[in-house]
Amino acid sequence: MLCTPNALPLNEVTVHLHMSGECLCGAFAKPNELDEIEFFYPHATKPHRELEREAESIGLTACKWGQRPPGERTRRRPAGRLCAKCTVLDGQADLLAEWRETGLITPNQYATFARPAEAA
């Protein structure tokens, strides 16, 4: 199960879930994904199932893992780059500039992380 002769073996979780499973935060969850996780790792899904039941009991409409809130999405923007090595694509948000403009990072931090062409 090695990608290349000298690579580390794939993690068992990655083999089973086809994703890392590092945090299981659900940020990019899809419908029925929790069922897939539960098949291999029921102990990992127990807190999530408890939260789903609690959310449902208080009337939250989107209370299931991988379920979007009802209604139209009002804002759809392309995802920003996730690392400094990613290529900026047309129409892709520049998160670093947005963070600088909103005060999440300082201009000096921006200059440190932005590509030289972007820092200008």
Protein backbone atom coordinates (compact mmCIF):
# COMPACT_ATOMS: atom_id res chain seq x y z
CA MET A 1 0.00 0.00 0.00
CA LEU A 2 2.86 2.35 -0.73
CA CYS A 3 2.53 5.13 -3.28
CA THR A 4 6.23 4.94 -4.12
CA PRO A 5 8.91 2.48 -2.97
CA ASN A 6 10.14 4.75 -0.15
CA ALA A 7 6.77 6.23 0.88
CA LEU A 8 5.15 5.74 4.24
CA PRO A 9 2.31 3.23 4.26
CA LEU A 10 -1.20 4.67 4.00
CA ASN A 11 -2.98 5.23 7.27
CA GLU A 12 -5.74 2.68 7.95
CA VAL A 13 -8.28 5.50 8.33
CA THR A 14 -7.40 6.87 4.89
CA VAL A 15 -7.75 3.39 3.40
CA HIS A 16 -11.22 2.95 4.93
CA LEU A 17 -12.66 6.47 4.54
CA HIS A 18 -10.74 7.74 1.50
CA MET A 19 -9.98 10.89 3.52
CA SER A 20 -7.69 11.62 6.43
CA GLY A 21 -10.29 11.71 9.19
CA GLU A 22 -7.93 13.88 11.24
CA CYS A 23 -10.46 16.22 12.79
CA LEU A 24 -13.88 15.03 11.64
CA CYS A 25 -15.13 18.62 11.91
CA GLY A 26 -17.63 18.17 9.08
CA ALA A 27 -16.65 21.38 7.30
CA PHE A 28 -16.78 19.69 3.89
CA ALA A 29 -19.10 16.84 4.84
CA LYS A 30 -21.42 15.22 2.36
CA PRO A 31 -24.75 13.55 3.08
CA ASN A 32 -24.41 10.04 4.56
CA GLU A 33 -20.70 10.57 5.24
CA LEU A 34 -21.20 10.04 8.97
CA ASP A 35 -22.74 6.64 8.20
CA GLU A 36 -19.57 5.69 6.32
CA ILE A 37 -17.38 6.82 9.19
CA GLU A 38 -19.60 5.01 11.69
CA PHE A 39 -19.27 1.73 9.79
CA PHE A 40 -15.53 1.61 10.55
CA TYR A 41 -15.28 3.82 13.63
CA PRO A 42 -18.52 3.86 15.66
CA HIS A 43 -16.74 5.28 18.69
CA ALA A 44 -15.69 8.34 16.66
CA THR A 45 -19.24 9.14 15.58
CA LYS A 46 -20.92 8.77 18.97
CA PRO A 47 -20.40 12.45 19.99
CA HIS A 48 -21.64 13.59 16.57
CA ARG A 49 -24.78 11.47 16.79
CA GLU A 50 -25.48 12.85 20.27
CA LEU A 51 -25.13 16.41 18.95
CA GLU A 52 -27.46 15.60 16.03
CA ARG A 53 -30.12 14.30 18.44
CA GLU A 54 -29.73 17.33 20.70
CA ALA A 55 -29.95 19.76 17.76
CA GLU A 56 -33.01 17.98 16.40
CA SER A 57 -34.69 18.04 19.82
CA ILE A 58 -34.43 21.85 20.00
CA GLY A 59 -35.80 22.27 16.49
CA LEU A 60 -32.73 23.06 14.40
CA THR A 61 -33.61 22.43 10.77
CA ALA A 62 -30.13 21.42 9.60
CA CYS A 63 -29.16 19.04 12.35
CA LYS A 64 -27.57 16.20 10.42
CA TRP A 65 -23.93 15.75 9.41
CA GLY A 66 -23.49 16.84 5.79
CA GLN A 67 -26.86 18.60 5.63
CA ARG A 68 -27.00 22.19 4.42
CA PRO A 69 -29.38 24.66 6.05
CA PRO A 70 -32.64 24.98 4.09
CA GLY A 71 -33.08 27.75 1.54
CA GLU A 72 -30.95 29.31 -1.12
CA ARG A 73 -27.29 30.02 -0.54
CA THR A 74 -27.01 33.78 -0.65
CA ARG A 75 -23.28 33.98 -1.24
CA ARG A 76 -21.30 31.68 -3.45
CA ARG A 77 -17.68 32.54 -3.88
CA PRO A 78 -14.81 30.37 -4.96
CA ALA A 79 -12.63 28.93 -2.25
CA GLY A 80 -9.36 30.63 -1.50
CA ARG A 81 -6.06 28.89 -1.74
CA LEU A 82 -5.24 26.56 1.10
CA CYS A 83 -1.46 26.82 1.06
CA ALA A 84 1.25 29.16 -0.14
CA LYS A 85 2.23 26.78 -2.95
CA CYS A 86 -1.21 26.65 -4.57
CA THR A 87 -1.66 28.42 -7.87
CA VAL A 88 -4.05 31.32 -7.80
CA LEU A 89 -6.82 30.57 -10.28
CA ASP A 90 -8.98 33.12 -12.07
CA GLY A 91 -11.89 34.09 -9.86
CA GLN A 92 -10.30 32.61 -6.76
CA ALA A 93 -10.48 34.76 -3.65
CA ASP A 94 -7.19 35.94 -2.23
CA LEU A 95 -7.66 35.07 1.41
CA LEU A 96 -4.43 36.73 2.50
CA ALA A 97 -5.53 40.10 1.09
CA GLU A 98 -8.97 39.65 2.63
CA TRP A 99 -7.44 38.80 5.99
CA ARG A 100 -5.18 41.87 5.76
CA GLU A 101 -8.10 44.14 4.85
CA THR A 102 -10.24 42.84 7.71
CA GLY A 103 -7.43 43.07 10.24
CA LEU A 104 -6.96 39.35 10.78
CA ILE A 105 -3.31 39.71 9.80
CA THR A 106 -1.04 42.73 9.75
CA PRO A 107 0.47 44.21 6.59
CA ASN A 108 3.84 42.78 7.69
CA GLN A 109 2.34 39.30 8.06
CA TYR A 110 0.74 39.68 4.64
CA ALA A 111 4.09 40.63 3.10
CA THR A 112 5.69 37.58 4.71
CA PHE A 113 3.13 35.10 3.39
CA ALA A 114 2.03 36.64 0.08
CA ARG A 115 3.83 35.84 -3.09
CA PRO A 116 6.20 38.62 -4.19
CA ALA A 117 3.87 39.66 -7.04
CA GLU A 118 0.90 39.87 -4.65
CA ALA A 119 2.66 41.87 -1.92
CA ALA A 120 2.75 45.01 -4.05
